[in-house]
Amino acid sequence: MAIIGDIETLHHLFGKTIELESLHCAILNICNPNHPLNQKLLSLKKGEQFKEDLDHGIFVIGHCYQLKSEPFFESHQEYFDFQIVIKGYEHFLFGLPKNFQEKIPYDSSKDLIVWESQTAAYNQVKLCANDMIIFAPYDIHSAGFGTGEETQESVYKVIFKVPTKYIKHKL
């Protein structure tokens, strides 16, 4: 299931390998208001995005978009999603595969499976600036969700796509 916290409290996750240390450095950079990637992100207009390749096959996607009222559930196979809100807030919905039905099968060109909820049995969390949520490939999730007047709000966020081979599951 997803890992949720702010960047400071999750720093201990990144000291295990060179690749994760590199990812942590990139995360700290994009959260720094003086860093060019942060400035690039905050200069986006609603509906715009960019993609930057980083080291080790990791890449980052920066977005600015308006919150939506209808969830779009997805999962991936090749990457973990490290999603970080830089400015604004958004709700994330996520749950277990047993509560969803596959709507569109896996598309390897997009690393994407689209799902629909079979029940209302999913979790919801609201993330604000400098909060991060990490989704594993088996986590079905929907981002950019808002309710009522929140759908008028814009969020600036980044998603670091990290190849699954760099993440080791050990408790």
N, C-alpha and C. Protein backbone atom coordinates (compact mmCIF):
# COMPACT_ATOMS: atom_id res chain seq x y z
N MET A 1 0.84 -1.17 0.00
CA MET A 1 0.00 0.00 0.00
C MET A 1 0.89 1.24 0.00
N ALA A 2 0.37 2.34 -0.40
CA ALA A 2 1.10 3.60 -0.56
C ALA A 2 1.84 4.00 0.71
N ILE A 3 2.93 4.74 0.50
CA ILE A 3 3.70 5.34 1.59
C ILE A 3 3.45 6.84 1.51
N ILE A 4 3.08 7.44 2.64
CA ILE A 4 2.68 8.85 2.65
C ILE A 4 3.45 9.58 3.74
N GLY A 5 3.90 10.79 3.44
CA GLY A 5 4.56 11.62 4.43
C GLY A 5 5.08 12.89 3.79
N ASP A 6 5.77 13.69 4.58
CA ASP A 6 6.41 14.85 3.98
C ASP A 6 7.86 14.48 3.65
N ILE A 7 8.48 15.30 2.86
CA ILE A 7 9.81 14.98 2.34
C ILE A 7 10.82 14.76 3.46
N GLU A 8 10.74 15.54 4.50
CA GLU A 8 11.69 15.40 5.61
C GLU A 8 11.52 14.08 6.36
N THR A 9 10.29 13.68 6.63
CA THR A 9 10.09 12.45 7.41
C THR A 9 10.37 11.19 6.60
N LEU A 10 10.38 11.29 5.29
CA LEU A 10 10.64 10.11 4.45
C LEU A 10 12.09 10.04 3.96
N HIS A 11 12.94 10.94 4.43
CA HIS A 11 14.33 10.98 3.92
C HIS A 11 15.09 9.68 4.14
N HIS A 12 14.75 8.93 5.18
CA HIS A 12 15.45 7.68 5.49
C HIS A 12 15.27 6.61 4.42
N LEU A 13 14.30 6.76 3.54
CA LEU A 13 14.06 5.77 2.49
C LEU A 13 15.08 5.84 1.36
N PHE A 14 15.85 6.91 1.32
CA PHE A 14 16.67 7.18 0.14
C PHE A 14 18.16 6.88 0.31
N GLY A 15 18.60 6.40 1.45
CA GLY A 15 20.03 6.20 1.67
C GLY A 15 20.53 4.81 1.36
N LYS A 16 19.72 3.98 0.72
CA LYS A 16 20.07 2.58 0.56
C LYS A 16 20.92 2.28 -0.67
N THR A 17 20.77 3.06 -1.74
CA THR A 17 21.51 2.82 -2.97
C THR A 17 21.92 4.15 -3.60
N ILE A 18 22.84 4.09 -4.52
CA ILE A 18 23.26 5.29 -5.26
C ILE A 18 22.09 5.87 -6.04
N GLU A 19 21.27 5.00 -6.63
CA GLU A 19 20.13 5.47 -7.43
C GLU A 19 19.12 6.21 -6.56
N LEU A 20 18.85 5.69 -5.36
CA LEU A 20 17.88 6.36 -4.48
C LEU A 20 18.47 7.64 -3.89
N GLU A 21 19.76 7.67 -3.64
CA GLU A 21 20.40 8.92 -3.19
C GLU A 21 20.31 9.98 -4.28
N SER A 22 20.48 9.57 -5.53
CA SER A 22 20.34 10.49 -6.66
C SER A 22 18.90 11.01 -6.76
N LEU A 23 17.94 10.11 -6.56
CA LEU A 23 16.53 10.51 -6.56
C LEU A 23 16.25 11.51 -5.45
N HIS A 24 16.77 11.26 -4.26
CA HIS A 24 16.55 12.16 -3.13
C HIS A 24 17.11 13.55 -3.44
N CYS A 25 18.30 13.60 -4.03
CA CYS A 25 18.89 14.89 -4.41
C CYS A 25 17.99 15.63 -5.40
N ALA A 26 17.45 14.90 -6.38
CA ALA A 26 16.56 15.52 -7.37
C ALA A 26 15.28 16.03 -6.70
N ILE A 27 14.75 15.28 -5.74
CA ILE A 27 13.55 15.71 -5.01
C ILE A 27 13.84 16.99 -4.23
N LEU A 28 14.96 17.02 -3.53
CA LEU A 28 15.31 18.22 -2.76
C LEU A 28 15.50 19.42 -3.69
N ASN A 29 16.10 19.19 -4.84
CA ASN A 29 16.32 20.28 -5.80
C ASN A 29 15.00 20.87 -6.28
N ILE A 30 14.07 20.02 -6.67
CA ILE A 30 12.82 20.54 -7.24
C ILE A 30 11.96 21.22 -6.18
N CYS A 31 12.18 20.89 -4.92
CA CYS A 31 11.45 21.55 -3.83
C CYS A 31 12.11 22.85 -3.39
N ASN A 32 13.30 23.12 -3.90
CA ASN A 32 14.03 24.35 -3.57
C ASN A 32 13.54 25.47 -4.48
N PRO A 33 12.96 26.54 -3.93
CA PRO A 33 12.41 27.63 -4.76
C PRO A 33 13.45 28.30 -5.67
N ASN A 34 14.73 28.15 -5.36
CA ASN A 34 15.78 28.77 -6.18
C ASN A 34 16.30 27.86 -7.28
N HIS A 35 15.87 26.61 -7.31
CA HIS A 35 16.37 25.67 -8.31
C HIS A 35 15.62 25.87 -9.64
N PRO A 36 16.33 25.77 -10.77
CA PRO A 36 15.68 25.98 -12.07
C PRO A 36 14.48 25.07 -12.35
N LEU A 37 14.51 23.81 -11.89
CA LEU A 37 13.35 22.93 -12.13
C LEU A 37 12.13 23.38 -11.35
N ASN A 38 12.34 23.90 -10.15
CA ASN A 38 11.22 24.43 -9.37
C ASN A 38 10.63 25.64 -10.09
N GLN A 39 11.51 26.51 -10.57
CA GLN A 39 11.03 27.70 -11.27
C GLN A 39 10.32 27.34 -12.57
N LYS A 40 10.85 26.31 -13.26
CA LYS A 40 10.20 25.84 -14.49
C LYS A 40 8.80 25.32 -14.19
N LEU A 41 8.68 24.55 -13.11
CA LEU A 41 7.37 24.01 -12.72
C LEU A 41 6.39 25.13 -12.39
N LEU A 42 6.81 26.07 -11.56
CA LEU A 42 5.90 27.12 -11.12
C LEU A 42 5.57 28.13 -12.22
N SER A 43 6.29 28.07 -13.34
CA SER A 43 5.97 28.96 -14.46
C SER A 43 4.97 28.33 -15.43
N LEU A 44 4.63 27.06 -15.19
CA LEU A 44 3.65 26.40 -16.06
C LEU A 44 2.28 27.04 -15.92
N LYS A 45 1.58 27.08 -17.03
CA LYS A 45 0.18 27.50 -17.01
C LYS A 45 -0.69 26.26 -16.85
N LYS A 46 -1.91 26.46 -16.41
CA LYS A 46 -2.84 25.35 -16.21
C LYS A 46 -2.92 24.49 -17.48
N GLY A 47 -2.74 23.19 -17.31
CA GLY A 47 -2.80 22.26 -18.42
C GLY A 47 -1.46 21.95 -19.06
N GLU A 48 -0.41 22.63 -18.63
CA GLU A 48 0.92 22.39 -19.19
C GLU A 48 1.70 21.39 -18.34
N GLN A 49 2.68 20.76 -18.97
CA GLN A 49 3.56 19.83 -18.27
C GLN A 49 4.91 19.78 -18.95
N PHE A 50 5.87 19.18 -18.27
CA PHE A 50 7.18 18.93 -18.87
C PHE A 50 7.70 17.60 -18.36
N LYS A 51 8.66 17.06 -19.09
CA LYS A 51 9.33 15.82 -18.69
C LYS A 51 10.84 16.05 -18.78
N GLU A 52 11.54 15.63 -17.72
CA GLU A 52 13.01 15.74 -17.68
C GLU A 52 13.57 14.37 -17.35
N ASP A 53 14.51 13.91 -18.16
CA ASP A 53 15.21 12.67 -17.85
C ASP A 53 16.29 12.94 -16.82
N LEU A 54 16.41 12.05 -15.85
CA LEU A 54 17.41 12.14 -14.80
C LEU A 54 18.36 10.95 -14.95
N ASP A 55 19.22 10.74 -14.00
CA ASP A 55 20.14 9.60 -14.03
C ASP A 55 19.42 8.29 -13.73
N HIS A 56 20.03 7.19 -14.17
CA HIS A 56 19.60 5.83 -13.80
C HIS A 56 18.24 5.43 -14.36
N GLY A 57 17.81 6.05 -15.44
CA GLY A 57 16.51 5.71 -16.01
C GLY A 57 15.33 6.31 -15.27
N ILE A 58 15.60 7.17 -14.32
CA ILE A 58 14.55 7.87 -13.57
C ILE A 58 14.19 9.13 -14.36
N PHE A 59 12.93 9.48 -14.37
CA PHE A 59 12.54 10.76 -14.97
C PHE A 59 11.47 11.42 -14.12
N VAL A 60 11.31 12.72 -14.36
CA VAL A 60 10.34 13.50 -13.60
C VAL A 60 9.38 14.16 -14.59
N ILE A 61 8.12 14.18 -14.22
CA ILE A 61 7.09 14.88 -14.98
C ILE A 61 6.55 15.98 -14.08
N GLY A 62 6.57 17.20 -14.56
CA GLY A 62 6.01 18.34 -13.84
C GLY A 62 4.68 18.73 -14.46
N HIS A 63 3.71 19.02 -13.62
CA HIS A 63 2.35 19.33 -14.08
C HIS A 63 1.81 20.57 -13.37
N CYS A 64 0.94 21.28 -14.06
CA CYS A 64 0.04 22.25 -13.43
C CYS A 64 -1.34 21.95 -14.00
N TYR A 65 -2.28 21.64 -13.12
CA TYR A 65 -3.61 21.34 -13.61
C TYR A 65 -4.66 21.68 -12.57
N GLN A 66 -5.88 21.75 -13.05
CA GLN A 66 -7.04 22.02 -12.20
C GLN A 66 -7.53 20.70 -11.64
N LEU A 67 -7.93 20.72 -10.38
CA LEU A 67 -8.46 19.51 -9.75
C LEU A 67 -9.73 19.07 -10.47
N LYS A 68 -9.96 17.77 -10.49
CA LYS A 68 -11.13 17.22 -11.17
C LYS A 68 -12.07 16.58 -10.15
N SER A 69 -13.32 16.46 -10.53
CA SER A 69 -14.31 15.90 -9.60
C SER A 69 -14.52 14.40 -9.80
N GLU A 70 -14.08 13.86 -10.92
CA GLU A 70 -14.24 12.43 -11.19
C GLU A 70 -12.88 11.74 -11.12
N PRO A 71 -12.76 10.68 -10.35
CA PRO A 71 -11.47 9.98 -10.26
C PRO A 71 -11.15 9.20 -11.54
N PHE A 72 -9.85 9.10 -11.82
CA PHE A 72 -9.32 8.29 -12.91
C PHE A 72 -8.33 7.34 -12.26
N PHE A 73 -8.71 6.07 -12.15
CA PHE A 73 -7.88 5.10 -11.44
C PHE A 73 -6.91 4.42 -12.41
N GLU A 74 -5.67 4.32 -11.97
CA GLU A 74 -4.62 3.75 -12.80
C GLU A 74 -3.62 2.98 -11.95
N SER A 75 -2.81 2.17 -12.61
CA SER A 75 -1.66 1.54 -11.98
C SER A 75 -0.60 1.35 -13.06
N HIS A 76 0.57 0.93 -12.63
CA HIS A 76 1.71 0.79 -13.54
C HIS A 76 2.42 -0.54 -13.26
N GLN A 77 3.29 -0.95 -14.14
CA GLN A 77 4.05 -2.16 -13.92
C GLN A 77 5.54 -1.91 -13.85
N GLU A 78 6.04 -0.94 -14.59
CA GLU A 78 7.48 -0.73 -14.73
C GLU A 78 8.07 0.29 -13.76
N TYR A 79 7.22 1.14 -13.18
CA TYR A 79 7.72 2.25 -12.37
C TYR A 79 6.96 2.38 -11.06
N PHE A 80 7.66 2.85 -10.05
CA PHE A 80 7.06 3.39 -8.84
C PHE A 80 6.80 4.86 -9.11
N ASP A 81 5.72 5.40 -8.59
CA ASP A 81 5.41 6.83 -8.67
C ASP A 81 5.75 7.48 -7.34
N PHE A 82 6.64 8.46 -7.37
CA PHE A 82 6.91 9.31 -6.22
C PHE A 82 6.26 10.64 -6.56
N GLN A 83 5.06 10.89 -6.02
CA GLN A 83 4.29 12.09 -6.37
C GLN A 83 4.42 13.11 -5.24
N ILE A 84 4.79 14.33 -5.63
CA ILE A 84 5.05 15.39 -4.65
C ILE A 84 4.28 16.65 -5.05
N VAL A 85 3.50 17.16 -4.13
CA VAL A 85 2.82 18.43 -4.34
C VAL A 85 3.82 19.54 -4.03
N ILE A 86 4.00 20.44 -4.96
CA ILE A 86 4.93 21.56 -4.76
C ILE A 86 4.17 22.82 -4.33
N LYS A 87 3.02 23.05 -4.94
CA LYS A 87 2.20 24.21 -4.57
C LYS A 87 0.74 23.84 -4.73
N GLY A 88 -0.07 24.21 -3.75
CA GLY A 88 -1.49 23.86 -3.76
C GLY A 88 -1.71 22.59 -2.96
N TYR A 89 -2.76 21.89 -3.30
CA TYR A 89 -3.10 20.64 -2.63
C TYR A 89 -3.92 19.80 -3.59
N GLU A 90 -4.02 18.52 -3.29
CA GLU A 90 -4.89 17.63 -4.04
C GLU A 90 -5.20 16.40 -3.21
N HIS A 91 -6.31 15.78 -3.53
CA HIS A 91 -6.70 14.53 -2.88
C HIS A 91 -6.22 13.37 -3.76
N PHE A 92 -5.78 12.32 -3.10
CA PHE A 92 -5.42 11.08 -3.78
C PHE A 92 -6.37 10.00 -3.28
N LEU A 93 -6.82 9.18 -4.20
CA LEU A 93 -7.63 8.02 -3.88
C LEU A 93 -6.80 6.80 -4.24
N PHE A 94 -6.81 5.78 -3.40
CA PHE A 94 -6.03 4.58 -3.71
C PHE A 94 -6.61 3.38 -2.98
N GLY A 95 -6.38 2.23 -3.57
CA GLY A 95 -6.95 1.03 -2.97
C GLY A 95 -6.33 -0.25 -3.48
N LEU A 96 -6.89 -1.34 -3.03
CA LEU A 96 -6.40 -2.66 -3.35
C LEU A 96 -7.05 -3.18 -4.64
N PRO A 97 -6.30 -3.96 -5.40
CA PRO A 97 -6.85 -4.49 -6.67
C PRO A 97 -8.16 -5.25 -6.52
N LYS A 98 -8.39 -5.90 -5.38
CA LYS A 98 -9.63 -6.68 -5.21
C LYS A 98 -10.89 -5.82 -5.27
N ASN A 99 -10.75 -4.51 -5.11
CA ASN A 99 -11.90 -3.61 -5.13
C ASN A 99 -12.07 -2.88 -6.46
N PHE A 100 -11.33 -3.32 -7.47
CA PHE A 100 -11.38 -2.66 -8.78
C PHE A 100 -11.51 -3.70 -9.88
N GLN A 101 -11.98 -3.24 -11.01
CA GLN A 101 -12.04 -4.09 -12.20
C GLN A 101 -11.24 -3.40 -13.29
N GLU A 102 -10.45 -4.18 -14.00
CA GLU A 102 -9.65 -3.62 -15.10
C GLU A 102 -10.58 -3.09 -16.18
N LYS A 103 -10.37 -1.86 -16.55
CA LYS A 103 -11.20 -1.21 -17.58
C LYS A 103 -10.47 -1.23 -18.92
N ILE A 104 -9.19 -0.87 -18.90
CA ILE A 104 -8.35 -0.90 -20.11
C ILE A 104 -7.08 -1.68 -19.76
N PRO A 105 -6.80 -2.76 -20.48
CA PRO A 105 -5.63 -3.59 -20.16
C PRO A 105 -4.31 -2.82 -20.28
N TYR A 106 -3.28 -3.45 -19.77
CA TYR A 106 -1.95 -2.85 -19.73
C TYR A 106 -1.50 -2.39 -21.12
N ASP A 107 -1.06 -1.14 -21.18
CA ASP A 107 -0.46 -0.55 -22.39
C ASP A 107 1.01 -0.30 -22.07
N SER A 108 1.89 -1.14 -22.61
CA SER A 108 3.31 -1.03 -22.28
C SER A 108 3.94 0.26 -22.78
N SER A 109 3.39 0.87 -23.83
CA SER A 109 3.95 2.13 -24.33
C SER A 109 3.71 3.29 -23.35
N LYS A 110 2.69 3.15 -22.50
CA LYS A 110 2.37 4.17 -21.49
C LYS A 110 2.62 3.68 -20.07
N ASP A 111 2.98 2.40 -19.92
CA ASP A 111 3.08 1.76 -18.60
C ASP A 111 1.82 2.07 -17.79
N LEU A 112 0.68 1.68 -18.33
CA LEU A 112 -0.59 2.11 -17.75
C LEU A 112 -1.65 1.02 -17.85
N ILE A 113 -2.33 0.79 -16.73
CA ILE A 113 -3.56 0.01 -16.68
C ILE A 113 -4.62 0.95 -16.12
N VAL A 114 -5.78 1.00 -16.74
CA VAL A 114 -6.89 1.84 -16.28
C VAL A 114 -7.90 0.94 -15.58
N TRP A 115 -8.37 1.40 -14.43
CA TRP A 115 -9.27 0.63 -13.58
C TRP A 115 -10.56 1.41 -13.32
N GLU A 116 -11.59 0.67 -12.91
CA GLU A 116 -12.79 1.31 -12.38
C GLU A 116 -13.10 0.68 -11.04
N SER A 117 -13.59 1.50 -10.14
CA SER A 117 -13.88 1.04 -8.79
C SER A 117 -15.15 0.22 -8.79
N GLN A 118 -15.10 -0.92 -8.12
CA GLN A 118 -16.27 -1.78 -7.98
C GLN A 118 -17.03 -1.47 -6.69
N THR A 119 -16.37 -0.79 -5.78
CA THR A 119 -16.96 -0.43 -4.49
C THR A 119 -16.44 0.95 -4.11
N ALA A 120 -16.88 1.45 -3.01
CA ALA A 120 -16.32 2.70 -2.50
C ALA A 120 -15.22 2.39 -1.48
N ALA A 121 -14.69 1.19 -1.55
CA ALA A 121 -13.68 0.75 -0.59
C ALA A 121 -12.28 1.14 -1.05
N TYR A 122 -12.01 2.43 -0.96
CA TYR A 122 -10.66 2.91 -1.24
C TYR A 122 -10.35 4.01 -0.24
N ASN A 123 -9.08 4.32 -0.13
CA ASN A 123 -8.61 5.33 0.83
C ASN A 123 -8.53 6.68 0.15
N GLN A 124 -8.61 7.73 0.96
CA GLN A 124 -8.46 9.09 0.45
C GLN A 124 -7.54 9.85 1.39
N VAL A 125 -6.62 10.59 0.81
CA VAL A 125 -5.72 11.43 1.60
C VAL A 125 -5.52 12.75 0.85
N LYS A 126 -5.41 13.83 1.60
CA LYS A 126 -5.17 15.15 1.02
C LYS A 126 -3.71 15.51 1.27
N LEU A 127 -3.00 15.83 0.20
CA LEU A 127 -1.60 16.24 0.31
C LEU A 127 -1.46 17.71 -0.03
N CYS A 128 -0.59 18.37 0.73
CA CYS A 128 -0.30 19.79 0.54
C CYS A 128 1.17 19.93 0.13
N ALA A 129 1.62 21.16 0.01
CA ALA A 129 2.99 21.44 -0.43
C ALA A 129 4.01 20.67 0.39
N ASN A 130 4.96 20.05 -0.31
CA ASN A 130 6.06 19.25 0.24
C ASN A 130 5.61 17.92 0.84
N ASP A 131 4.39 17.51 0.57
CA ASP A 131 3.94 16.18 0.94
C ASP A 131 4.21 15.25 -0.24
N MET A 132 4.50 13.98 0.09
CA MET A 132 4.81 13.00 -0.94
C MET A 132 4.02 11.73 -0.69
N ILE A 133 3.61 11.12 -1.78
CA ILE A 133 2.99 9.80 -1.72
C ILE A 133 3.72 8.92 -2.72
N ILE A 134 4.03 7.70 -2.30
CA ILE A 134 4.75 6.77 -3.15
C ILE A 134 3.82 5.60 -3.46
N PHE A 135 3.60 5.38 -4.74
CA PHE A 135 2.75 4.28 -5.19
C PHE A 135 3.60 3.19 -5.82
N ALA A 136 3.40 1.97 -5.36
CA ALA A 136 4.04 0.80 -5.95
C ALA A 136 3.22 0.38 -7.18
N PRO A 137 3.80 -0.47 -8.02
CA PRO A 137 3.06 -0.89 -9.22
C PRO A 137 1.71 -1.54 -8.93
N TYR A 138 1.55 -2.17 -7.80
CA TYR A 138 0.27 -2.81 -7.47
C TYR A 138 -0.74 -1.85 -6.84
N ASP A 139 -0.35 -0.62 -6.56
CA ASP A 139 -1.27 0.36 -5.96
C ASP A 139 -2.14 0.99 -7.05
N ILE A 140 -3.41 0.80 -6.95
CA ILE A 140 -4.34 1.45 -7.87
C ILE A 140 -4.65 2.82 -7.27
N HIS A 141 -4.48 3.87 -8.08
CA HIS A 141 -4.57 5.21 -7.52
C HIS A 141 -5.17 6.21 -8.51
N SER A 142 -5.67 7.29 -7.93
CA SER A 142 -6.20 8.42 -8.70
C SER A 142 -5.69 9.69 -8.04
N ALA A 143 -5.13 10.57 -8.83
CA ALA A 143 -4.58 11.83 -8.31
C ALA A 143 -5.39 13.00 -8.87
N GLY A 144 -5.14 14.17 -8.31
CA GLY A 144 -5.76 15.38 -8.84
C GLY A 144 -7.24 15.49 -8.56
N PHE A 145 -7.68 14.88 -7.50
CA PHE A 145 -9.10 14.84 -7.19
C PHE A 145 -9.45 15.97 -6.22
N GLY A 146 -10.59 16.59 -6.43
CA GLY A 146 -11.11 17.61 -5.53
C GLY A 146 -12.62 17.48 -5.41
N THR A 147 -13.17 18.11 -4.40
CA THR A 147 -14.61 18.06 -4.21
C THR A 147 -15.16 19.48 -4.19
N GLY A 148 -16.39 19.63 -4.67
CA GLY A 148 -17.06 20.93 -4.62
C GLY A 148 -16.24 22.04 -5.25
N GLU A 149 -16.08 23.14 -4.49
CA GLU A 149 -15.35 24.30 -4.99
C GLU A 149 -13.86 24.05 -5.17
N GLU A 150 -13.35 22.98 -4.58
CA GLU A 150 -11.93 22.65 -4.75
C GLU A 150 -11.58 22.43 -6.22
N THR A 151 -12.55 22.03 -7.03
CA THR A 151 -12.27 21.75 -8.43
C THR A 151 -11.89 23.01 -9.21
N GLN A 152 -11.99 24.17 -8.57
CA GLN A 152 -11.54 25.41 -9.19
C GLN A 152 -10.07 25.68 -8.92
N GLU A 153 -9.47 24.89 -8.04
CA GLU A 153 -8.08 25.09 -7.63
C GLU A 153 -7.11 24.43 -8.61
N SER A 154 -5.89 25.00 -8.67
CA SER A 154 -4.81 24.42 -9.46
C SER A 154 -3.77 23.86 -8.52
N VAL A 155 -3.10 22.82 -8.98
CA VAL A 155 -2.02 22.20 -8.22
C VAL A 155 -0.78 22.15 -9.11
N TYR A 156 0.37 22.38 -8.50
CA TYR A 156 1.66 22.22 -9.15
C TYR A 156 2.32 21.02 -8.49
N LYS A 157 2.63 20.02 -9.28
CA LYS A 157 3.20 18.82 -8.69
C LYS A 157 4.16 18.14 -9.65
N VAL A 158 4.94 17.25 -9.06
CA VAL A 158 5.87 16.45 -9.85
C VAL A 158 5.65 14.98 -9.54
N ILE A 159 5.94 14.17 -10.54
CA ILE A 159 5.94 12.71 -10.38
C ILE A 159 7.30 12.21 -10.82
N PHE A 160 8.02 11.63 -9.90
CA PHE A 160 9.27 10.97 -10.24
C PHE A 160 8.94 9.53 -10.55
N LYS A 161 9.27 9.09 -11.75
CA LYS A 161 9.04 7.72 -12.19
C LYS A 161 10.34 6.95 -11.98
N VAL A 162 10.29 5.95 -11.09
CA VAL A 162 11.48 5.22 -10.67
C VAL A 162 11.33 3.76 -11.08
N PRO A 163 12.27 3.25 -11.89
CA PRO A 163 12.18 1.84 -12.30
C PRO A 163 12.08 0.91 -11.09
N THR A 164 11.25 -0.10 -11.22
CA THR A 164 11.00 -1.03 -10.10
C THR A 164 12.27 -1.71 -9.61
N LYS A 165 13.26 -1.88 -10.46
CA LYS A 165 14.48 -2.59 -10.04
C LYS A 165 15.25 -1.87 -8.94
N TYR A 166 14.97 -0.59 -8.71
CA TYR A 166 15.69 0.16 -7.68
C TYR A 166 15.01 0.12 -6.32
N ILE A 167 13.83 -0.44 -6.25
CA ILE A 167 13.09 -0.45 -4.98
C ILE A 167 13.06 -1.87 -4.44
N LYS A 168 13.59 -2.03 -3.25
CA LYS A 168 13.60 -3.33 -2.58
C LYS A 168 12.63 -3.27 -1.41
N HIS A 169 11.71 -4.22 -1.35
CA HIS A 169 10.72 -4.26 -0.28
C HIS A 169 11.25 -5.06 0.89
N LYS A 170 11.64 -4.36 1.94
CA LYS A 170 12.08 -5.04 3.17
C LYS A 170 11.57 -4.25 4.35
N LEU A 171 10.91 -4.91 5.27
CA LEU A 171 10.43 -4.25 6.48
C LEU A 171 11.40 -4.53 7.60
